[in-house]
């Protein structure tokens, strides 16, 4: 009556690439909830750190594929990591390791498809009004003033589309950020309908 899509082999490949050691602790969330990633200009450049032995862009690409196909729970964390692929820093490398520890702990999770013939289209959208804004980083990264949209679209009780993206406009209120998120979500819903 249901299908579960997991990608344990891809996760194992990511863990091998990162060089995750068995002694690392389990992480229960994909990234630190108390801190947003930024450019971290004062941090050591990623490729100058001796503690990392992986290719940042390659790992982020694999994580992006995983997030888009079977792991919507990591999509926000992966988007944060991808924003800094051009100039990753030590803090970004630590965030990749954190996410790898989370994946190691949740390796068997995936998307479950269980059809509910009574259900139709369902769309859940939300926005985080300027949630990443930090005055100290705003001069280096004006995108901290942008809000984030997230949406999840289901058909017959099965997830078919999910996303977490920065809004292209700077919203001036929570209401405006919510309308932008809903508008973005409906750009996926209407063609499917």
N, C-alpha and C. Protein backbone atom coordinates (compact mmCIF):
# COMPACT_ATOMS: atom_id res chain seq x y z
N UNK A 1 0.77 -1.20 0.00
CA UNK A 1 0.00 0.00 0.00
C UNK A 1 0.82 1.27 0.00
N UNK A 2 2.14 1.19 0.16
CA UNK A 2 2.95 2.40 0.16
C UNK A 2 4.34 2.10 -0.40
N UNK A 3 5.00 3.17 -0.84
CA UNK A 3 6.36 3.07 -1.34
C UNK A 3 7.22 4.04 -0.55
N UNK A 4 8.41 3.60 -0.22
CA UNK A 4 9.35 4.49 0.46
C UNK A 4 10.61 4.60 -0.39
N UNK A 5 10.97 5.83 -0.71
CA UNK A 5 12.16 6.08 -1.52
C UNK A 5 13.28 6.59 -0.61
N UNK A 6 14.33 5.80 -0.52
CA UNK A 6 15.50 6.20 0.25
C UNK A 6 16.71 6.12 -0.67
N UNK A 7 17.76 6.80 -0.31
CA UNK A 7 18.98 6.79 -1.11
C UNK A 7 20.18 6.55 -0.20
N UNK A 8 20.20 5.38 0.43
CA UNK A 8 21.24 5.06 1.38
C UNK A 8 22.62 4.97 0.71
N UNK A 9 22.66 4.49 -0.53
CA UNK A 9 23.95 4.38 -1.23
C UNK A 9 24.53 5.77 -1.47
N UNK A 10 23.70 6.72 -1.90
CA UNK A 10 24.18 8.09 -2.10
C UNK A 10 24.64 8.70 -0.78
N UNK A 11 23.90 8.46 0.28
CA UNK A 11 24.30 8.98 1.59
C UNK A 11 25.64 8.37 2.01
N UNK A 12 25.82 7.07 1.80
CA UNK A 12 27.10 6.44 2.12
C UNK A 12 28.24 7.05 1.31
N UNK A 13 27.98 7.37 0.05
CA UNK A 13 28.99 8.02 -0.80
C UNK A 13 29.35 9.39 -0.24
N UNK A 14 28.34 10.15 0.17
CA UNK A 14 28.59 11.48 0.76
C UNK A 14 29.41 11.34 2.04
N UNK A 15 29.04 10.39 2.88
CA UNK A 15 29.76 10.18 4.14
C UNK A 15 31.21 9.78 3.89
N UNK A 16 31.43 8.92 2.88
CA UNK A 16 32.81 8.53 2.53
C UNK A 16 33.60 9.73 2.03
N UNK A 17 32.95 10.54 1.17
CA UNK A 17 33.63 11.72 0.62
C UNK A 17 34.01 12.72 1.72
N UNK A 18 33.10 12.91 2.67
CA UNK A 18 33.37 13.84 3.77
C UNK A 18 34.43 13.26 4.71
N UNK A 19 34.53 11.94 4.75
CA UNK A 19 35.49 11.30 5.65
C UNK A 19 34.94 11.22 7.06
N UNK A 20 33.64 10.95 7.16
CA UNK A 20 32.99 10.89 8.47
C UNK A 20 33.56 9.73 9.29
N UNK A 21 34.00 10.03 10.45
CA UNK A 21 34.58 9.02 11.34
C UNK A 21 33.48 8.46 12.25
N UNK A 22 33.56 7.15 12.57
CA UNK A 22 32.53 6.55 13.44
C UNK A 22 32.43 7.21 14.81
N UNK A 23 33.49 7.88 15.23
CA UNK A 23 33.48 8.50 16.55
C UNK A 23 32.68 9.79 16.61
N UNK A 24 32.26 10.32 15.44
CA UNK A 24 31.49 11.56 15.43
C UNK A 24 30.15 11.35 16.11
N UNK A 25 29.67 12.38 16.76
CA UNK A 25 28.39 12.31 17.46
C UNK A 25 27.23 12.34 16.46
N UNK A 26 26.09 11.87 16.94
CA UNK A 26 24.87 11.95 16.15
C UNK A 26 24.33 13.36 16.22
N UNK A 27 23.76 13.82 15.14
CA UNK A 27 23.08 15.11 15.12
C UNK A 27 21.61 14.85 14.84
N UNK A 28 20.74 15.50 15.57
CA UNK A 28 19.31 15.27 15.45
C UNK A 28 18.62 16.26 14.53
N UNK A 29 19.33 17.30 14.10
CA UNK A 29 18.79 18.29 13.18
C UNK A 29 19.82 18.54 12.07
N UNK A 30 19.39 18.94 10.87
CA UNK A 30 20.32 19.09 9.74
C UNK A 30 21.38 20.17 9.89
N UNK A 31 21.10 21.22 10.66
CA UNK A 31 22.10 22.26 10.88
C UNK A 31 21.80 22.97 12.19
N UNK A 32 22.77 23.73 12.67
CA UNK A 32 22.55 24.46 13.92
C UNK A 32 21.38 25.41 13.76
N UNK A 33 20.45 25.32 14.67
CA UNK A 33 19.27 26.18 14.58
C UNK A 33 19.52 27.55 15.17
N UNK A 34 20.58 27.70 15.90
CA UNK A 34 20.84 28.97 16.57
C UNK A 34 21.67 29.93 15.73
N UNK A 35 22.10 29.50 14.54
CA UNK A 35 23.01 30.35 13.78
C UNK A 35 22.83 30.16 12.27
N UNK A 36 22.68 31.27 11.56
CA UNK A 36 22.62 31.22 10.10
C UNK A 36 24.03 31.30 9.54
N UNK A 37 24.21 30.70 8.40
CA UNK A 37 25.50 30.84 7.72
C UNK A 37 25.57 32.20 7.06
N UNK A 38 26.77 32.75 7.00
CA UNK A 38 27.01 34.01 6.29
C UNK A 38 28.30 33.83 5.50
N UNK A 39 28.83 34.92 4.99
CA UNK A 39 30.08 34.82 4.22
C UNK A 39 31.27 34.45 5.09
N UNK A 40 31.21 34.76 6.37
CA UNK A 40 32.30 34.45 7.31
C UNK A 40 33.66 34.89 6.76
N UNK A 41 33.76 36.14 6.38
CA UNK A 41 34.97 36.69 5.78
C UNK A 41 36.19 36.51 6.68
N UNK A 42 36.00 36.58 7.99
CA UNK A 42 37.13 36.46 8.93
C UNK A 42 37.57 35.02 9.14
N UNK A 43 36.79 34.07 8.67
CA UNK A 43 37.11 32.66 8.84
C UNK A 43 38.14 32.22 7.79
N UNK A 44 38.88 31.17 8.08
CA UNK A 44 39.89 30.64 7.15
C UNK A 44 39.21 30.11 5.90
N UNK A 45 39.76 30.38 4.70
CA UNK A 45 39.18 29.79 3.48
C UNK A 45 39.15 28.27 3.58
N UNK A 46 38.10 27.67 3.07
CA UNK A 46 37.88 26.23 3.19
C UNK A 46 39.06 25.43 2.67
N UNK A 47 39.56 25.78 1.50
CA UNK A 47 40.61 24.98 0.88
C UNK A 47 41.98 25.20 1.51
N UNK A 48 42.10 26.15 2.45
CA UNK A 48 43.34 26.34 3.20
C UNK A 48 43.32 25.58 4.53
N UNK A 49 42.19 24.97 4.87
CA UNK A 49 42.06 24.23 6.13
C UNK A 49 42.59 22.81 5.94
N UNK A 50 43.42 22.38 6.86
CA UNK A 50 43.95 21.02 6.80
C UNK A 50 42.95 19.99 7.33
N UNK A 51 41.94 20.44 8.05
CA UNK A 51 41.00 19.51 8.68
C UNK A 51 39.96 18.96 7.71
N UNK A 52 39.84 19.53 6.50
CA UNK A 52 38.86 19.04 5.52
C UNK A 52 39.58 18.39 4.36
N UNK A 53 39.13 17.20 3.98
CA UNK A 53 39.74 16.48 2.88
C UNK A 53 38.74 16.20 1.76
N UNK A 54 37.73 17.06 1.62
CA UNK A 54 36.71 16.82 0.59
C UNK A 54 36.55 18.05 -0.29
N UNK A 55 35.96 17.82 -1.46
CA UNK A 55 35.67 18.90 -2.40
C UNK A 55 34.31 19.49 -2.04
N UNK A 56 34.29 20.73 -1.62
CA UNK A 56 33.07 21.38 -1.12
C UNK A 56 31.97 21.37 -2.18
N UNK A 57 32.30 21.81 -3.37
CA UNK A 57 31.26 21.91 -4.42
C UNK A 57 30.70 20.55 -4.80
N UNK A 58 31.54 19.54 -4.85
CA UNK A 58 31.09 18.20 -5.18
C UNK A 58 30.11 17.68 -4.13
N UNK A 59 30.45 17.88 -2.87
CA UNK A 59 29.56 17.43 -1.78
C UNK A 59 28.24 18.19 -1.83
N UNK A 60 28.30 19.49 -2.04
CA UNK A 60 27.06 20.28 -2.09
C UNK A 60 26.19 19.84 -3.27
N UNK A 61 26.79 19.50 -4.39
CA UNK A 61 26.03 19.00 -5.53
C UNK A 61 25.32 17.69 -5.20
N UNK A 62 26.01 16.79 -4.53
CA UNK A 62 25.40 15.52 -4.13
C UNK A 62 24.29 15.75 -3.11
N UNK A 63 24.55 16.64 -2.17
CA UNK A 63 23.53 16.96 -1.17
C UNK A 63 22.30 17.58 -1.81
N UNK A 64 22.51 18.43 -2.81
CA UNK A 64 21.40 19.07 -3.51
C UNK A 64 20.54 18.02 -4.22
N UNK A 65 21.19 17.08 -4.89
CA UNK A 65 20.45 16.00 -5.56
C UNK A 65 19.63 15.20 -4.54
N UNK A 66 20.26 14.87 -3.42
CA UNK A 66 19.57 14.12 -2.37
C UNK A 66 18.36 14.89 -1.83
N UNK A 67 18.54 16.19 -1.58
CA UNK A 67 17.46 17.03 -1.04
C UNK A 67 16.31 17.16 -2.02
N UNK A 68 16.62 17.26 -3.30
CA UNK A 68 15.57 17.47 -4.31
C UNK A 68 14.80 16.19 -4.65
N UNK A 69 15.40 15.02 -4.39
CA UNK A 69 14.76 13.79 -4.82
C UNK A 69 14.12 12.96 -3.72
N UNK A 70 14.70 12.97 -2.52
CA UNK A 70 14.12 12.10 -1.50
C UNK A 70 14.25 12.59 -0.06
N UNK A 71 14.87 13.76 0.16
CA UNK A 71 15.06 14.22 1.53
C UNK A 71 14.69 15.69 1.69
N UNK A 72 13.38 16.00 1.70
CA UNK A 72 12.98 17.40 1.88
C UNK A 72 13.39 17.98 3.24
N UNK A 73 13.73 17.14 4.19
CA UNK A 73 14.11 17.63 5.52
C UNK A 73 15.45 18.36 5.52
N UNK A 74 16.27 18.16 4.49
CA UNK A 74 17.59 18.81 4.46
C UNK A 74 17.66 19.96 3.46
N UNK A 75 16.57 20.28 2.81
CA UNK A 75 16.62 21.25 1.71
C UNK A 75 17.07 22.64 2.16
N UNK A 76 16.63 23.09 3.33
CA UNK A 76 17.05 24.41 3.82
C UNK A 76 18.55 24.42 4.08
N UNK A 77 19.05 23.40 4.77
CA UNK A 77 20.48 23.34 5.08
C UNK A 77 21.32 23.29 3.81
N UNK A 78 20.89 22.53 2.84
CA UNK A 78 21.64 22.41 1.59
C UNK A 78 21.63 23.75 0.84
N UNK A 79 20.51 24.44 0.85
CA UNK A 79 20.44 25.74 0.18
C UNK A 79 21.41 26.72 0.84
N UNK A 80 21.48 26.68 2.16
CA UNK A 80 22.42 27.56 2.86
C UNK A 80 23.86 27.24 2.46
N UNK A 81 24.21 25.97 2.37
CA UNK A 81 25.57 25.58 1.98
C UNK A 81 25.87 25.97 0.53
N UNK A 82 24.88 25.81 -0.34
CA UNK A 82 25.09 26.11 -1.76
C UNK A 82 25.33 27.60 -2.02
N UNK A 83 24.77 28.45 -1.18
CA UNK A 83 24.95 29.90 -1.38
C UNK A 83 26.41 30.32 -1.31
N UNK A 84 27.24 29.53 -0.64
CA UNK A 84 28.63 29.93 -0.43
C UNK A 84 29.62 29.01 -1.16
N UNK A 85 29.16 28.38 -2.22
CA UNK A 85 30.02 27.48 -3.00
C UNK A 85 31.16 28.21 -3.70
N UNK A 86 30.98 29.47 -4.02
CA UNK A 86 32.02 30.22 -4.73
C UNK A 86 33.22 30.52 -3.84
N UNK A 87 32.97 30.73 -2.55
CA UNK A 87 34.05 31.06 -1.63
C UNK A 87 33.77 30.46 -0.25
N UNK A 88 33.81 29.11 -0.16
CA UNK A 88 33.51 28.49 1.13
C UNK A 88 34.59 28.78 2.16
N UNK A 89 34.17 28.80 3.42
CA UNK A 89 35.08 29.07 4.54
C UNK A 89 35.03 27.90 5.51
N UNK A 90 35.84 27.97 6.53
CA UNK A 90 35.92 26.90 7.52
C UNK A 90 34.56 26.63 8.16
N UNK A 91 33.82 27.68 8.45
CA UNK A 91 32.49 27.51 9.06
C UNK A 91 31.54 26.74 8.14
N UNK A 92 31.68 26.94 6.85
CA UNK A 92 30.84 26.22 5.89
C UNK A 92 31.22 24.74 5.87
N UNK A 93 32.51 24.46 5.96
CA UNK A 93 32.97 23.07 6.03
C UNK A 93 32.44 22.37 7.27
N UNK A 94 32.43 23.08 8.39
CA UNK A 94 31.88 22.51 9.63
C UNK A 94 30.39 22.24 9.48
N UNK A 95 29.68 23.10 8.75
CA UNK A 95 28.24 22.89 8.51
C UNK A 95 28.01 21.66 7.64
N UNK A 96 28.90 21.42 6.67
CA UNK A 96 28.81 20.20 5.85
C UNK A 96 29.00 18.98 6.74
N UNK A 97 29.99 19.02 7.63
CA UNK A 97 30.23 17.90 8.53
C UNK A 97 29.02 17.66 9.44
N UNK A 98 28.43 18.73 9.94
CA UNK A 98 27.23 18.61 10.79
C UNK A 98 26.12 17.90 10.02
N UNK A 99 25.88 18.34 8.78
CA UNK A 99 24.83 17.73 7.97
C UNK A 99 25.15 16.27 7.68
N UNK A 100 26.42 15.95 7.46
CA UNK A 100 26.82 14.55 7.23
C UNK A 100 26.53 13.71 8.47
N UNK A 101 26.77 14.26 9.66
CA UNK A 101 26.48 13.52 10.89
C UNK A 101 24.98 13.29 11.04
N UNK A 102 24.19 14.27 10.63
CA UNK A 102 22.73 14.11 10.66
C UNK A 102 22.31 13.00 9.68
N UNK A 103 22.87 13.02 8.48
CA UNK A 103 22.52 12.00 7.48
C UNK A 103 22.94 10.61 7.95
N UNK A 104 24.07 10.53 8.61
CA UNK A 104 24.52 9.24 9.13
C UNK A 104 23.53 8.69 10.14
N UNK A 105 22.95 9.58 10.94
CA UNK A 105 21.98 9.18 11.95
C UNK A 105 20.61 8.86 11.35
N UNK A 106 20.27 9.47 10.21
CA UNK A 106 18.94 9.32 9.61
C UNK A 106 19.02 8.67 8.23
N UNK A 107 19.98 7.82 8.04
CA UNK A 107 20.26 7.22 6.73
C UNK A 107 19.07 6.48 6.12
N UNK A 108 18.23 5.90 6.95
CA UNK A 108 17.13 5.09 6.43
C UNK A 108 15.86 5.89 6.14
N UNK A 109 15.88 7.20 6.40
CA UNK A 109 14.70 8.02 6.12
C UNK A 109 14.61 8.36 4.64
N UNK A 110 13.40 8.61 4.19
CA UNK A 110 13.18 9.00 2.81
C UNK A 110 11.75 9.49 2.63
N UNK A 111 11.33 9.60 1.41
CA UNK A 111 9.98 10.05 1.10
C UNK A 111 9.07 8.83 1.01
N UNK A 112 7.92 8.92 1.66
CA UNK A 112 6.96 7.82 1.65
C UNK A 112 5.76 8.23 0.81
N UNK A 113 5.41 7.38 -0.13
CA UNK A 113 4.24 7.59 -0.97
C UNK A 113 3.17 6.58 -0.58
N UNK A 114 2.09 7.09 0.01
CA UNK A 114 0.95 6.25 0.35
C UNK A 114 -0.29 6.98 -0.18
N UNK A 115 -0.85 6.44 -1.22
CA UNK A 115 -1.94 7.11 -1.93
C UNK A 115 -3.22 7.13 -1.09
N UNK A 116 -3.79 8.32 -1.01
CA UNK A 116 -5.10 8.50 -0.39
C UNK A 116 -6.04 8.96 -1.49
N UNK A 117 -6.88 8.06 -2.00
CA UNK A 117 -7.74 8.41 -3.15
C UNK A 117 -8.72 9.55 -2.87
N UNK A 118 -8.98 9.85 -1.61
CA UNK A 118 -9.91 10.92 -1.26
C UNK A 118 -9.25 12.29 -1.27
N UNK A 119 -7.91 12.31 -1.24
CA UNK A 119 -7.19 13.58 -1.18
C UNK A 119 -6.92 14.11 -2.59
N UNK A 120 -6.95 15.41 -2.72
CA UNK A 120 -6.63 16.05 -3.99
C UNK A 120 -5.31 16.77 -3.87
N UNK A 121 -5.26 17.97 -4.44
CA UNK A 121 -4.06 18.80 -4.31
C UNK A 121 -4.04 19.46 -2.94
N UNK A 122 -2.90 19.46 -2.33
CA UNK A 122 -2.69 20.19 -1.10
C UNK A 122 -1.39 20.97 -1.26
N UNK A 123 -1.43 22.23 -0.87
CA UNK A 123 -0.24 23.06 -0.96
C UNK A 123 -0.05 23.78 0.37
N UNK A 124 1.11 23.60 0.95
CA UNK A 124 1.45 24.27 2.19
C UNK A 124 2.59 25.23 1.91
N UNK A 125 2.39 26.49 2.21
CA UNK A 125 3.42 27.50 1.96
C UNK A 125 3.64 28.32 3.22
N UNK A 126 4.88 28.75 3.40
CA UNK A 126 5.20 29.57 4.55
C UNK A 126 6.35 30.50 4.19
N UNK A 127 6.52 31.53 4.98
CA UNK A 127 7.63 32.47 4.75
C UNK A 127 8.26 32.83 6.08
N UNK A 128 9.54 33.13 6.02
CA UNK A 128 10.30 33.59 7.18
C UNK A 128 10.69 35.03 6.86
N UNK A 129 9.97 35.98 7.43
CA UNK A 129 10.19 37.39 7.10
C UNK A 129 11.55 37.86 7.60
N UNK A 130 12.47 38.09 6.66
CA UNK A 130 13.82 38.60 6.95
C UNK A 130 14.47 37.85 8.11
N UNK A 131 14.27 36.54 8.14
CA UNK A 131 14.77 35.73 9.25
C UNK A 131 16.28 35.64 9.34
N UNK A 132 16.98 35.90 8.25
CA UNK A 132 18.44 35.80 8.26
C UNK A 132 19.11 37.17 8.40
N UNK A 133 18.32 38.21 8.69
CA UNK A 133 18.90 39.55 8.73
C UNK A 133 19.82 39.72 9.94
N UNK A 134 21.03 40.16 9.65
CA UNK A 134 22.00 40.51 10.67
C UNK A 134 22.64 41.82 10.25
N UNK A 135 22.54 42.80 11.09
CA UNK A 135 23.10 44.12 10.77
C UNK A 135 24.59 44.03 10.44
N UNK A 136 25.33 43.20 11.17
CA UNK A 136 26.78 43.12 10.96
C UNK A 136 27.14 42.54 9.59
N UNK A 137 26.28 41.68 9.02
CA UNK A 137 26.58 41.08 7.73
C UNK A 137 25.91 41.79 6.56
N UNK A 138 25.02 42.71 6.84
CA UNK A 138 24.21 43.31 5.78
C UNK A 138 25.04 44.10 4.76
N UNK A 139 26.17 44.66 5.17
CA UNK A 139 27.02 45.38 4.21
C UNK A 139 27.70 44.43 3.24
N UNK A 140 28.08 43.24 3.71
CA UNK A 140 28.73 42.25 2.85
C UNK A 140 27.72 41.47 2.02
N UNK A 141 26.54 41.24 2.58
CA UNK A 141 25.55 40.40 1.93
C UNK A 141 24.16 41.01 2.07
N UNK A 142 23.74 41.83 1.10
CA UNK A 142 22.42 42.45 1.18
C UNK A 142 21.27 41.43 1.18
N UNK A 143 21.54 40.19 0.76
CA UNK A 143 20.50 39.17 0.73
C UNK A 143 20.01 38.80 2.12
N UNK A 144 20.71 39.22 3.18
CA UNK A 144 20.22 38.92 4.53
C UNK A 144 18.89 39.61 4.79
N UNK A 145 18.56 40.64 4.03
CA UNK A 145 17.28 41.34 4.20
C UNK A 145 16.14 40.61 3.50
N UNK A 146 16.47 39.63 2.70
CA UNK A 146 15.42 38.90 1.97
C UNK A 146 14.79 37.84 2.85
N UNK A 147 13.53 37.60 2.59
CA UNK A 147 12.81 36.57 3.32
C UNK A 147 12.98 35.23 2.61
N UNK A 148 12.61 34.17 3.28
CA UNK A 148 12.71 32.83 2.70
C UNK A 148 11.32 32.27 2.52
N UNK A 149 11.10 31.65 1.38
CA UNK A 149 9.84 30.96 1.10
C UNK A 149 10.08 29.46 1.17
N UNK A 150 9.09 28.77 1.66
CA UNK A 150 9.12 27.32 1.65
C UNK A 150 7.75 26.80 1.29
N UNK A 151 7.70 25.73 0.49
CA UNK A 151 6.41 25.14 0.16
C UNK A 151 6.53 23.66 -0.07
N UNK A 152 5.40 23.00 0.08
CA UNK A 152 5.31 21.55 0.01
C UNK A 152 4.00 21.24 -0.68
N UNK A 153 4.05 20.56 -1.81
CA UNK A 153 2.85 20.26 -2.59
C UNK A 153 2.63 18.75 -2.60
N UNK A 154 1.39 18.38 -2.31
CA UNK A 154 1.04 16.96 -2.28
C UNK A 154 -0.13 16.71 -3.23
N UNK A 155 -0.15 15.53 -3.79
CA UNK A 155 -1.29 15.09 -4.60
C UNK A 155 -1.66 13.69 -4.13
N UNK A 156 -2.91 13.49 -3.82
CA UNK A 156 -3.42 12.21 -3.33
C UNK A 156 -2.65 11.76 -2.09
N UNK A 157 -2.27 12.71 -1.26
CA UNK A 157 -1.56 12.40 -0.03
C UNK A 157 -0.08 12.11 -0.20
N UNK A 158 0.43 12.27 -1.42
CA UNK A 158 1.85 11.98 -1.70
C UNK A 158 2.59 13.26 -2.02
N UNK A 159 3.77 13.45 -1.45
CA UNK A 159 4.55 14.65 -1.76
C UNK A 159 5.10 14.59 -3.18
N UNK A 160 4.93 15.69 -3.92
CA UNK A 160 5.45 15.71 -5.29
C UNK A 160 6.42 16.86 -5.55
N UNK A 161 6.27 17.97 -4.82
CA UNK A 161 7.18 19.11 -5.00
C UNK A 161 7.44 19.73 -3.63
N UNK A 162 8.70 20.10 -3.39
CA UNK A 162 9.04 20.84 -2.17
C UNK A 162 10.17 21.79 -2.51
N UNK A 163 10.22 22.90 -1.81
CA UNK A 163 11.25 23.90 -2.10
C UNK A 163 11.49 24.79 -0.89
N UNK A 164 12.69 25.34 -0.85
CA UNK A 164 13.08 26.34 0.13
C UNK A 164 13.98 27.32 -0.60
N UNK A 165 13.50 28.55 -0.79
CA UNK A 165 14.23 29.52 -1.60
C UNK A 165 14.19 30.91 -0.98
N UNK A 166 15.24 31.67 -1.24
CA UNK A 166 15.20 33.08 -0.87
C UNK A 166 14.26 33.80 -1.83
N UNK A 167 13.51 34.72 -1.33
CA UNK A 167 12.62 35.50 -2.20
C UNK A 167 13.46 36.47 -3.02
N UNK A 168 13.01 36.76 -4.23
CA UNK A 168 13.76 37.66 -5.10
C UNK A 168 13.51 39.12 -4.76
N UNK A 169 12.42 39.40 -4.05
CA UNK A 169 12.08 40.76 -3.65
C UNK A 169 12.33 40.93 -2.15
N UNK A 170 12.52 42.14 -1.72
CA UNK A 170 12.62 42.42 -0.29
C UNK A 170 11.22 42.77 0.21
N UNK A 171 10.66 41.88 1.01
CA UNK A 171 9.33 42.11 1.56
C UNK A 171 9.40 43.14 2.68
N UNK A 172 8.37 43.97 2.78
CA UNK A 172 8.34 45.02 3.79
C UNK A 172 7.52 44.65 5.01
N UNK A 173 6.87 43.48 4.97
CA UNK A 173 6.08 43.03 6.12
C UNK A 173 5.95 41.51 6.06
N UNK A 174 5.51 40.96 7.17
CA UNK A 174 5.28 39.52 7.22
C UNK A 174 4.20 39.12 6.22
N UNK A 175 3.16 39.93 6.12
CA UNK A 175 2.06 39.64 5.20
C UNK A 175 2.57 39.60 3.77
N UNK A 176 3.38 40.58 3.40
CA UNK A 176 3.92 40.61 2.05
C UNK A 176 4.81 39.39 1.78
N UNK A 177 5.61 39.00 2.75
CA UNK A 177 6.47 37.81 2.60
C UNK A 177 5.62 36.56 2.41
N UNK A 178 4.52 36.46 3.14
CA UNK A 178 3.62 35.31 3.01
C UNK A 178 2.97 35.27 1.62
N UNK A 179 2.55 36.43 1.11
CA UNK A 179 1.96 36.48 -0.23
C UNK A 179 2.97 36.09 -1.30
N UNK A 180 4.20 36.52 -1.15
CA UNK A 180 5.25 36.15 -2.11
C UNK A 180 5.48 34.65 -2.07
N UNK A 181 5.49 34.06 -0.88
CA UNK A 181 5.67 32.60 -0.76
C UNK A 181 4.52 31.86 -1.41
N UNK A 182 3.30 32.32 -1.18
CA UNK A 182 2.13 31.68 -1.78
C UNK A 182 2.17 31.81 -3.30
N UNK A 183 2.54 32.97 -3.80
CA UNK A 183 2.64 33.17 -5.24
C UNK A 183 3.68 32.24 -5.86
N UNK A 184 4.83 32.09 -5.18
CA UNK A 184 5.88 31.19 -5.68
C UNK A 184 5.39 29.74 -5.69
N UNK A 185 4.69 29.34 -4.65
CA UNK A 185 4.17 27.98 -4.59
C UNK A 185 3.16 27.71 -5.68
N UNK A 186 2.31 28.70 -5.94
CA UNK A 186 1.27 28.51 -6.96
C UNK A 186 1.88 28.43 -8.37
N UNK A 187 3.08 28.94 -8.56
CA UNK A 187 3.75 28.77 -9.85
C UNK A 187 4.11 27.32 -10.10
N UNK A 188 4.18 26.52 -9.05
CA UNK A 188 4.36 25.07 -9.21
C UNK A 188 3.02 24.35 -9.28
N UNK A 189 2.03 24.82 -8.54
CA UNK A 189 0.73 24.14 -8.47
C UNK A 189 -0.04 24.27 -9.79
N UNK A 190 -0.13 25.47 -10.32
CA UNK A 190 -1.00 25.70 -11.49
C UNK A 190 -0.61 24.86 -12.70
N UNK A 191 0.66 24.76 -13.08
CA UNK A 191 0.99 23.88 -14.22
C UNK A 191 0.67 22.40 -13.95
N UNK A 192 0.81 21.97 -12.71
CA UNK A 192 0.50 20.57 -12.39
C UNK A 192 -0.99 20.32 -12.51
N UNK A 193 -1.79 21.30 -12.08
CA UNK A 193 -3.24 21.13 -12.17
C UNK A 193 -3.68 21.02 -13.62
